[in-house]
Amino acid sequence: MCSPAQAARLIPPPSLSSLSGLPQFTPQQLPSGSKVSLSDMAAKVCRLLLSRSSVAVASPFPVLGVSSHRQHQHTGTDTLSGPFVHQSVRRGHSLRSSGRATLFSQPRAPLPPQGWKGTPTWPTQRLLCSPAVSEEVTVVYHNSLPVISVRLPSRRERCQFTLKPLSDSVGIFLQQLQAEDRGIDRVAIYTTDGARIASSTGIDILLLDDFKLVINDTTHLVRPPRRELLAHEEAERLNDVKLLVQQLYTTLRIEEHQLNKEKELIGRLEDLNSQLRPLEKVKEELSRKAERRTTWVLWGGMAYMATQFGVLARLTWWEYSWDIMEPVTYFITYGTAMAMYAYFVLTRQEYIYPDARDRQYLLFFHKGVKRTRFDIEKYNKLKDAIAEAELDLKRLRDPLQLHLPIQQISTSKD
């Protein structure tokens, strides 16, 4: 506690502007029987001015200290000269910023020069808290290549993706994101207007304007740095370079592509043959039965014709004469012609022995299919797929498709 001498030596006389914030009471508000000494008065003035100075020092730093409306009241009565004054000291309370919030303080309003009269007026401060802008996704150019830094959601680690503007696309960038962090369920890129950007869009086109990167449920606004656009002639030259790079890539990778495609076709053929093998066994059994029955029908027709020839010969030379049997043979021949015409009407095919034999074979075969419930549709689809794969493999091994001379291929085969 300060003595009266120390108070007089250390503290200058208060001016009206410095003491305008002190509360005052009228004599009617003073408690009866209160007594004041000069030492108590000086001590209270010392404490009051020290507290006022601490608030004034802390107020220029809005992040560390601000004035508060919480009051710490001191019990007891204090006096200043004649009147008794009940002091209420306001102390600054420090505020700790949480997260990455930034505090902005408004300047205090000037105090009106009220002197020692009137209601006490204490300066107040208002705090405005706004979230700091977090740069979750940034784009920089390193060695003329765009480097996109993204904070991955699983471990909250920043990862850099170096992209190639000429060959990479949006789809490649999204695939790299999902491959780097398995916790990403959904990732897409949208324009600032909310339209989704296609996966085939080039990286050079993407970085021309601002865009939004959506990772799961979080949206990041990406502002790539502005770069000067190429002139028309330089753009055409760049397109020519792209075309040459693609042709060179195709030329260098053609052998590897041919080998991979051949392995793929061979594997597909093996898979199809494994599926066809059990069906092929059933089909061979049905085909063998149908072939045997068709052969019986052919030999039956031969036996019928031989029997007919023998009967007509017996009747013509032994039993009757030719004059009697001639009309009979005529009607037999005409009846046979009518039967052939009826075959054409029913089948819409000419009665030719090979076609008739094949038709009879198919009839017997499909009867066996119905009896054994053989899946002939699946069998036909597998056969078509195998034929298509074999044709593709044959075309792939064609010298013109390999872009190699025929002599070199024949030499390599030898």
Protein backbone atom coordinates (compact mmCIF):
# COMPACT_ATOMS: atom_id res chain seq x y z
CA MET A 1 0.00 0.00 0.00
CA CYS A 2 1.29 3.47 -0.94
CA SER A 3 1.89 6.08 1.75
CA PRO A 4 0.57 9.65 1.35
CA ALA A 5 4.06 10.93 0.61
CA GLN A 6 4.66 8.30 -2.06
CA ALA A 7 1.30 9.07 -3.61
CA ALA A 8 2.09 12.76 -3.73
CA ARG A 9 5.56 12.10 -5.16
CA LEU A 10 4.72 9.39 -7.74
CA ILE A 11 1.26 10.34 -8.96
CA PRO A 12 0.66 13.66 -10.71
CA PRO A 13 -2.45 15.66 -9.86
CA PRO A 14 -5.42 14.22 -11.72
CA SER A 15 -6.92 16.27 -14.47
CA LEU A 16 -10.54 16.49 -15.32
CA SER A 17 -10.12 14.25 -18.39
CA SER A 18 -8.27 11.54 -16.47
CA LEU A 19 -10.78 11.46 -13.60
CA SER A 20 -13.87 11.74 -15.68
CA GLY A 21 -14.52 8.03 -15.36
CA LEU A 22 -14.63 8.01 -11.53
CA PRO A 23 -18.01 7.39 -9.95
CA GLN A 24 -19.52 10.04 -7.69
CA PHE A 25 -22.16 9.98 -5.01
CA THR A 26 -24.18 12.77 -3.58
CA PRO A 27 -24.04 13.42 0.16
CA GLN A 28 -27.45 11.81 0.53
CA GLN A 29 -26.04 8.53 -0.86
CA LEU A 30 -23.18 8.37 1.64
CA PRO A 31 -23.58 6.00 4.53
CA SER A 32 -23.97 7.68 7.85
CA GLY A 33 -21.09 7.52 10.33
CA SER A 34 -18.34 6.98 7.70
CA LYS A 35 -14.95 8.52 8.40
CA VAL A 36 -12.13 9.16 5.94
CA SER A 37 -8.41 9.66 6.46
CA LEU A 38 -5.94 11.26 4.07
CA SER A 39 -3.83 8.08 3.88
CA ASP A 40 -6.79 5.94 2.86
CA MET A 41 -7.70 8.47 0.22
CA ALA A 42 -4.18 8.47 -1.28
CA ALA A 43 -4.00 4.68 -1.24
CA LYS A 44 -7.28 4.30 -3.09
CA VAL A 45 -6.26 6.90 -5.66
CA CYS A 46 -3.00 4.97 -6.21
CA ARG A 47 -4.81 1.67 -6.75
CA LEU A 48 -7.39 3.27 -9.01
CA LEU A 49 -4.85 4.96 -11.29
CA LEU A 50 -2.66 1.85 -11.44
CA SER A 51 -5.64 -0.23 -12.52
CA ARG A 52 -6.58 2.40 -15.08
CA SER A 53 -3.05 2.42 -16.45
CA SER A 54 -2.99 -1.40 -16.72
CA VAL A 55 -6.17 -1.34 -18.80
CA ALA A 56 -4.75 1.41 -21.02
CA VAL A 57 -1.54 -0.56 -21.58
CA ALA A 58 -3.35 -3.80 -22.38
CA SER A 59 -5.94 -2.27 -24.68
CA PRO A 60 -3.63 -1.69 -27.73
CA PHE A 61 -3.18 -5.49 -27.96
CA PRO A 62 -6.59 -6.88 -28.92
CA VAL A 63 -5.46 -10.49 -28.98
CA LEU A 64 -4.06 -10.47 -25.45
CA GLY A 65 -6.29 -8.23 -23.37
CA VAL A 66 -9.61 -6.44 -23.63
CA SER A 67 -11.82 -4.66 -21.17
CA SER A 68 -14.54 -6.80 -19.66
CA HIS A 69 -17.90 -6.06 -18.15
CA ARG A 70 -17.19 -8.32 -15.21
CA GLN A 71 -16.62 -6.29 -12.05
CA HIS A 72 -14.53 -7.11 -9.03
CA GLN A 73 -16.03 -5.12 -6.20
CA HIS A 74 -14.05 -4.12 -3.17
CA THR A 75 -15.91 -4.12 0.06
CA GLY A 76 -15.61 -1.21 2.44
CA THR A 77 -15.96 2.54 2.01
CA ASP A 78 -13.29 4.81 0.57
CA THR A 79 -13.15 8.61 0.58
CA LEU A 80 -11.92 11.32 -1.72
CA SER A 81 -11.53 14.77 -0.09
CA GLY A 82 -15.05 15.64 1.07
CA PRO A 83 -17.38 13.00 -0.44
CA PHE A 84 -17.31 9.26 0.22
CA VAL A 85 -16.85 7.24 -2.96
CA HIS A 86 -17.52 3.51 -3.39
CA GLN A 87 -14.95 2.32 -5.91
CA SER A 88 -15.58 -0.37 -8.54
CA VAL A 89 -12.43 -1.41 -10.27
CA ARG A 90 -12.58 -3.03 -13.64
CA ARG A 91 -9.69 -5.21 -14.51
CA GLY A 92 -8.70 -6.45 -17.95
CA HIS A 93 -9.04 -10.09 -18.57
CA SER A 94 -6.80 -11.84 -21.02
CA LEU A 95 -8.35 -13.73 -23.89
CA ARG A 96 -6.64 -16.68 -25.44
CA SER A 97 -7.35 -17.22 -29.05
CA SER A 98 -8.67 -20.68 -29.79
CA GLY A 99 -7.84 -22.44 -33.04
CA ARG A 100 -6.77 -19.99 -35.69
CA ALA A 101 -9.24 -17.23 -34.90
CA THR A 102 -8.17 -13.62 -35.37
CA LEU A 103 -9.42 -10.87 -33.05
CA PHE A 104 -10.12 -7.33 -34.18
CA SER A 105 -10.85 -4.57 -31.71
CA GLN A 106 -12.63 -1.34 -32.33
CA PRO A 107 -11.13 1.86 -30.91
CA ARG A 108 -12.71 3.08 -27.74
CA ALA A 109 -15.03 6.02 -27.91
CA PRO A 110 -13.59 9.22 -26.44
CA LEU A 111 -14.63 9.98 -22.89
CA PRO A 112 -16.72 13.08 -22.38
CA PRO A 113 -15.18 15.54 -19.94
CA GLN A 114 -17.65 15.11 -17.11
CA GLY A 115 -15.31 16.02 -14.32
CA TRP A 116 -16.43 14.78 -10.96
CA LYS A 117 -20.14 15.07 -11.63
CA GLY A 118 -22.63 12.79 -13.23
CA THR A 119 -22.88 9.07 -13.79
CA PRO A 120 -19.53 7.26 -14.24
CA THR A 121 -18.71 6.31 -17.81
CA TRP A 122 -16.29 3.45 -18.41
CA PRO A 123 -14.81 2.74 -21.83
CA THR A 124 -15.83 -0.55 -23.40
CA GLN A 125 -14.38 -2.61 -26.23
CA ARG A 126 -16.17 -4.83 -28.73
CA LEU A 127 -14.57 -7.97 -30.16
CA LEU A 128 -15.11 -9.17 -33.71
CA CYS A 129 -14.05 -12.80 -34.24
CA SER A 130 -13.68 -14.15 -37.76
CA PRO A 131 -12.20 -17.53 -38.82
CA ALA A 132 -8.82 -17.24 -40.48
CA VAL A 133 -8.58 -18.31 -44.08
CA SER A 134 -6.99 -21.77 -44.15
CA GLU A 135 -5.04 -22.65 -47.26
CA GLU A 136 -5.87 -26.36 -47.47
CA VAL A 137 -5.13 -26.55 -51.23
CA THR A 138 -2.43 -24.47 -52.89
CA VAL A 139 -1.04 -24.39 -56.42
CA VAL A 140 2.51 -23.34 -57.22
CA TYR A 141 4.73 -23.78 -60.27
CA HIS A 142 8.02 -25.59 -59.79
CA ASN A 143 10.28 -26.06 -62.81
CA SER A 144 7.36 -24.97 -65.02
CA LEU A 145 5.21 -27.81 -63.66
CA PRO A 146 2.13 -27.20 -61.50
CA VAL A 147 2.45 -28.60 -57.97
CA ILE A 148 -0.86 -28.95 -56.11
CA SER A 149 -0.53 -29.28 -52.32
CA VAL A 150 -3.52 -30.92 -50.66
CA ARG A 151 -4.09 -31.69 -46.99
CA LEU A 152 -5.30 -35.28 -46.96
CA PRO A 153 -8.29 -35.95 -44.68
CA SER A 154 -7.11 -39.15 -42.99
CA ARG A 155 -3.93 -37.97 -41.24
CA ARG A 156 -4.23 -34.27 -41.99
CA GLU A 157 -0.89 -34.37 -43.76
CA ARG A 158 -0.04 -32.12 -46.67
CA CYS A 159 0.80 -34.01 -49.85
CA GLN A 160 2.18 -32.56 -53.08
CA PHE A 161 1.09 -33.75 -56.51
CA THR A 162 3.27 -32.78 -59.47
CA LEU A 163 1.23 -32.82 -62.67
CA LYS A 164 2.13 -32.60 -66.33
CA PRO A 165 -0.03 -30.06 -68.13
CA LEU A 166 0.36 -31.63 -71.58
CA SER A 167 -0.48 -35.24 -70.79
CA ASP A 168 -2.29 -35.33 -67.42
CA SER A 169 -6.00 -34.72 -66.99
CA VAL A 170 -8.45 -34.12 -64.16
CA GLY A 171 -9.23 -37.84 -63.96
CA ILE A 172 -5.57 -38.71 -63.43
CA PHE A 173 -5.30 -36.15 -60.62
CA LEU A 174 -8.42 -37.53 -58.89
CA GLN A 175 -7.10 -41.09 -59.19
CA GLN A 176 -3.81 -40.03 -57.61
CA LEU A 177 -5.72 -38.46 -54.71
CA GLN A 178 -7.73 -41.62 -54.02
CA ALA A 179 -4.65 -43.82 -54.37
CA GLU A 180 -2.71 -41.68 -51.89
CA ASP A 181 -5.46 -41.62 -49.22
CA ARG A 182 -7.79 -44.60 -48.95
CA GLY A 183 -10.06 -42.58 -46.67
CA ILE A 184 -11.31 -40.52 -49.62
CA ASP A 185 -14.70 -41.90 -50.65
CA ARG A 186 -15.72 -39.14 -53.03
CA VAL A 187 -13.61 -36.58 -54.84
CA ALA A 188 -14.62 -34.26 -57.67
CA ILE A 189 -13.77 -30.88 -59.13
CA TYR A 190 -16.35 -28.19 -59.80
CA THR A 191 -16.27 -24.70 -61.21
CA THR A 192 -17.03 -21.73 -59.01
CA ASP A 193 -20.56 -21.76 -60.46
CA GLY A 194 -21.16 -25.36 -59.33
CA ALA A 195 -20.77 -27.15 -62.68
CA ARG A 196 -18.78 -30.38 -62.53
CA ILE A 197 -15.59 -30.54 -64.58
CA ALA A 198 -15.19 -33.65 -66.73
CA SER A 199 -12.39 -36.12 -66.02
CA SER A 200 -11.04 -35.74 -69.54
CA THR A 201 -10.32 -32.03 -69.07
CA GLY A 202 -6.62 -31.23 -69.27
CA ILE A 203 -4.70 -29.82 -66.33
CA ASP A 204 -3.62 -26.81 -68.36
CA ILE A 205 -7.27 -25.94 -68.99
CA LEU A 206 -8.20 -26.53 -65.34
CA LEU A 207 -5.57 -24.12 -64.00
CA LEU A 208 -6.79 -21.22 -66.13
CA ASP A 209 -9.58 -20.31 -63.67
CA ASP A 210 -10.47 -20.82 -60.03
CA PHE A 211 -12.16 -24.10 -59.13
CA LYS A 212 -13.52 -26.05 -56.18
CA LEU A 213 -12.02 -29.34 -55.01
CA VAL A 214 -14.57 -31.47 -53.13
CA ILE A 215 -13.05 -34.21 -50.93
CA ASN A 216 -15.73 -36.25 -49.16
CA ASP A 217 -17.91 -33.53 -47.57
CA THR A 218 -15.27 -30.76 -47.57
CA THR A 219 -15.10 -28.12 -50.29
CA HIS A 220 -11.81 -26.30 -50.95
CA LEU A 221 -11.65 -23.18 -53.08
CA VAL A 222 -8.48 -23.30 -55.17
CA ARG A 223 -7.03 -20.14 -56.67
CA PRO A 224 -4.20 -21.07 -59.05
CA PRO A 225 -1.68 -18.36 -59.88
CA ARG A 226 -2.30 -16.46 -63.06
CA ARG A 227 -0.04 -17.16 -66.01
CA GLU A 228 0.29 -15.41 -69.32
CA LEU A 229 -1.59 -17.04 -72.18
CA LEU A 230 0.33 -18.27 -75.19
CA ALA A 231 0.07 -16.50 -78.49
CA HIS A 232 -1.81 -18.08 -81.37
CA GLU A 233 1.34 -19.25 -83.16
CA GLU A 234 2.83 -20.62 -79.97
CA ALA A 235 -0.42 -22.47 -79.22
CA GLU A 236 -0.36 -24.10 -82.67
CA ARG A 237 3.27 -25.05 -82.17
CA LEU A 238 2.35 -26.53 -78.80
CA ASN A 239 -0.40 -28.62 -80.41
CA ASP A 240 2.12 -29.93 -82.94
CA VAL A 241 4.44 -30.86 -80.10
CA LYS A 242 1.58 -32.71 -78.37
CA LEU A 243 0.86 -34.68 -81.55
CA LEU A 244 4.53 -35.59 -81.98
CA VAL A 245 4.75 -36.70 -78.36
CA GLN A 246 1.71 -38.94 -78.79
CA GLN A 247 3.12 -40.47 -81.97
CA LEU A 248 6.46 -41.05 -80.30
CA TYR A 249 4.75 -42.60 -77.30
CA THR A 250 2.77 -44.91 -79.58
CA THR A 251 5.90 -45.94 -81.47
CA LEU A 252 7.87 -46.66 -78.33
CA ARG A 253 5.07 -48.51 -76.57
CA ILE A 254 3.71 -50.46 -79.54
CA GLU A 255 5.66 -53.63 -78.76
CA GLU A 256 4.63 -53.61 -75.12
CA HIS A 257 1.03 -52.94 -76.13
CA GLN A 258 1.06 -55.82 -78.60
CA LEU A 259 2.42 -58.22 -76.00
CA ASN A 260 -0.11 -57.15 -73.38
CA LYS A 261 -2.97 -57.43 -75.85
CA GLU A 262 -1.81 -60.87 -76.98
CA LYS A 263 -1.61 -62.08 -73.38
CA GLU A 264 -5.09 -60.72 -72.75
CA LEU A 265 -6.55 -62.50 -75.77
CA ILE A 266 -4.81 -65.78 -74.93
CA GLY A 267 -6.11 -65.62 -71.37
CA ARG A 268 -9.60 -64.91 -72.66
CA LEU A 269 -9.41 -67.89 -75.00
CA GLU A 270 -8.34 -70.17 -72.17
CA ASP A 271 -11.23 -68.98 -70.01
CA LEU A 272 -13.77 -69.48 -72.79
CA ASN A 273 -12.42 -72.92 -73.61
CA SER A 274 -12.64 -73.97 -69.97
CA GLN A 275 -16.32 -72.96 -69.95
CA LEU A 276 -16.99 -74.67 -73.26
CA ARG A 277 -15.30 -77.96 -72.43
CA PRO A 278 -18.15 -79.59 -70.40
CA LEU A 279 -20.75 -78.41 -72.89
CA GLU A 280 -18.65 -79.75 -75.72
CA LYS A 281 -18.72 -83.25 -74.22
CA VAL A 282 -22.52 -83.26 -74.04
CA LYS A 283 -22.76 -81.86 -77.54
CA GLU A 284 -20.49 -84.55 -78.96
CA GLU A 285 -22.63 -87.27 -77.39
CA LEU A 286 -25.83 -85.79 -78.85
CA SER A 287 -24.16 -85.32 -82.22
CA ARG A 288 -23.03 -88.93 -82.29
CA LYS A 289 -26.56 -90.20 -81.60
CA ALA A 290 -28.10 -87.88 -84.20
CA GLU A 291 -25.50 -88.96 -86.76
CA ARG A 292 -26.24 -92.62 -86.15
CA ARG A 293 -30.00 -92.15 -86.53
CA THR A 294 -29.53 -90.10 -89.69
CA THR A 295 -27.40 -92.88 -91.15
CA TRP A 296 -30.16 -95.36 -90.38
CA VAL A 297 -32.67 -93.17 -92.21
CA LEU A 298 -30.41 -92.97 -95.28
CA TRP A 299 -29.93 -96.71 -95.38
CA GLY A 300 -33.64 -97.14 -94.82
CA GLY A 301 -34.35 -95.05 -97.91
CA MET A 302 -31.89 -97.15 -99.87
CA ALA A 303 -33.57 -100.36 -98.70
CA TYR A 304 -37.00 -98.98 -99.65
CA MET A 305 -35.85 -98.13 -103.18
CA ALA A 306 -34.22 -101.55 -103.61
CA THR A 307 -37.36 -103.28 -102.41
CA GLN A 308 -39.48 -101.22 -104.78
CA PHE A 309 -37.21 -102.14 -107.68
CA GLY A 310 -37.44 -105.85 -106.88
CA VAL A 311 -41.23 -105.86 -106.58
CA LEU A 312 -41.71 -104.04 -109.89
CA ALA A 313 -39.26 -106.36 -111.63
CA ARG A 314 -41.06 -109.46 -110.28
CA LEU A 315 -44.43 -108.17 -111.40
CA THR A 316 -43.18 -107.11 -114.80
CA TRP A 317 -41.20 -110.20 -115.90
CA TRP A 318 -42.63 -113.03 -113.85
CA GLU A 319 -46.16 -112.27 -112.73
CA TYR A 320 -47.48 -109.81 -115.33
CA SER A 321 -46.33 -108.25 -118.55
CA TRP A 322 -44.94 -104.80 -119.25
CA ASP A 323 -48.20 -103.66 -120.75
CA ILE A 324 -49.91 -104.12 -117.41
CA MET A 325 -47.11 -102.70 -115.19
CA GLU A 326 -46.34 -99.64 -117.31
CA PRO A 327 -49.24 -97.51 -115.92
CA VAL A 328 -48.33 -98.66 -112.40
CA THR A 329 -44.74 -97.46 -112.73
CA TYR A 330 -45.99 -94.18 -114.19
CA PHE A 331 -48.16 -93.43 -111.16
CA ILE A 332 -45.37 -94.46 -108.80
CA THR A 333 -43.02 -91.99 -110.50
CA TYR A 334 -45.63 -89.22 -110.45
CA GLY A 335 -46.35 -89.86 -106.76
CA THR A 336 -42.66 -89.56 -105.97
CA ALA A 337 -42.54 -86.19 -107.76
CA MET A 338 -45.53 -85.00 -105.73
CA ALA A 339 -43.78 -86.02 -102.51
CA MET A 340 -40.68 -84.00 -103.47
CA TYR A 341 -42.87 -80.96 -104.22
CA ALA A 342 -44.59 -81.33 -100.84
CA TYR A 343 -41.15 -81.37 -99.20
CA PHE A 344 -40.38 -78.03 -100.85
CA VAL A 345 -43.71 -76.55 -99.73
CA LEU A 346 -43.11 -77.55 -96.12
CA THR A 347 -39.40 -76.79 -95.80
CA ARG A 348 -38.91 -74.04 -98.43
CA GLN A 349 -35.86 -75.96 -99.58
CA GLU A 350 -35.21 -77.93 -102.72
CA TYR A 351 -35.07 -81.64 -102.25
CA ILE A 352 -31.34 -82.18 -102.56
CA TYR A 353 -29.82 -85.16 -100.84
CA PRO A 354 -27.11 -83.33 -98.83
CA ASP A 355 -29.58 -80.69 -97.62
CA ALA A 356 -32.18 -83.31 -96.78
CA ARG A 357 -29.56 -85.29 -94.88
CA ASP A 358 -28.48 -82.20 -92.85
CA ARG A 359 -32.08 -81.36 -92.06
CA GLN A 360 -32.74 -84.83 -90.77
CA TYR A 361 -29.58 -84.67 -88.67
CA LEU A 362 -30.67 -81.37 -87.06
CA LEU A 363 -34.10 -82.79 -86.28
CA PHE A 364 -32.58 -85.71 -84.42
CA PHE A 365 -30.04 -83.47 -82.67
CA HIS A 366 -32.63 -80.98 -81.33
CA LYS A 367 -34.80 -83.82 -80.12
CA GLY A 368 -31.83 -85.01 -78.07
CA VAL A 369 -31.23 -81.45 -76.80
CA LYS A 370 -34.78 -81.20 -75.49
CA ARG A 371 -34.51 -84.61 -73.90
CA THR A 372 -31.23 -83.84 -72.07
CA ARG A 373 -31.93 -80.09 -71.43
CA PHE A 374 -28.70 -79.08 -73.07
CA ASP A 375 -28.10 -75.25 -72.97
CA ILE A 376 -27.56 -74.73 -76.66
CA GLU A 377 -27.79 -70.89 -76.43
CA LYS A 378 -24.88 -70.72 -74.03
CA TYR A 379 -22.94 -73.10 -76.24
CA ASN A 380 -23.49 -70.90 -79.29
CA LYS A 381 -22.47 -67.72 -77.42
CA LEU A 382 -19.26 -69.34 -76.23
CA LYS A 383 -18.46 -70.56 -79.72
CA ASP A 384 -19.02 -67.06 -81.14
CA ALA A 385 -16.84 -65.48 -78.45
CA ILE A 386 -14.04 -67.96 -79.12
CA ALA A 387 -14.23 -67.30 -82.85
CA GLU A 388 -14.08 -63.54 -82.26
CA ALA A 389 -11.10 -63.85 -79.91
CA GLU A 390 -9.25 -66.05 -82.38
CA LEU A 391 -9.92 -63.53 -85.14
CA ASP A 392 -8.61 -60.67 -82.98
CA LEU A 393 -5.52 -62.68 -82.14
CA LYS A 394 -4.94 -63.41 -85.80
CA ARG A 395 -5.28 -59.72 -86.69
CA LEU A 396 -2.96 -58.79 -83.84
CA ARG A 397 -0.26 -61.11 -85.14
CA ASP A 398 -0.59 -59.68 -88.63
CA PRO A 399 2.68 -58.04 -89.79
CA LEU A 400 0.81 -54.90 -90.83
CA GLN A 401 -0.59 -54.50 -87.33
CA LEU A 402 2.82 -54.98 -85.76
CA HIS A 403 4.32 -52.23 -87.94
CA LEU A 404 7.23 -54.58 -88.71
CA PRO A 405 8.58 -55.91 -92.01
CA ILE A 406 7.34 -59.34 -93.03
CA GLN A 407 10.91 -60.60 -93.45
CA GLN A 408 11.80 -59.68 -89.89
CA ILE A 409 8.79 -61.54 -88.49
CA SER A 410 9.53 -64.65 -90.53
CA THR A 411 13.16 -64.53 -89.38
CA SER A 412 12.12 -64.21 -85.74
CA LYS A 413 9.76 -67.19 -86.10
CA ASP A 414 12.55 -69.30 -87.58
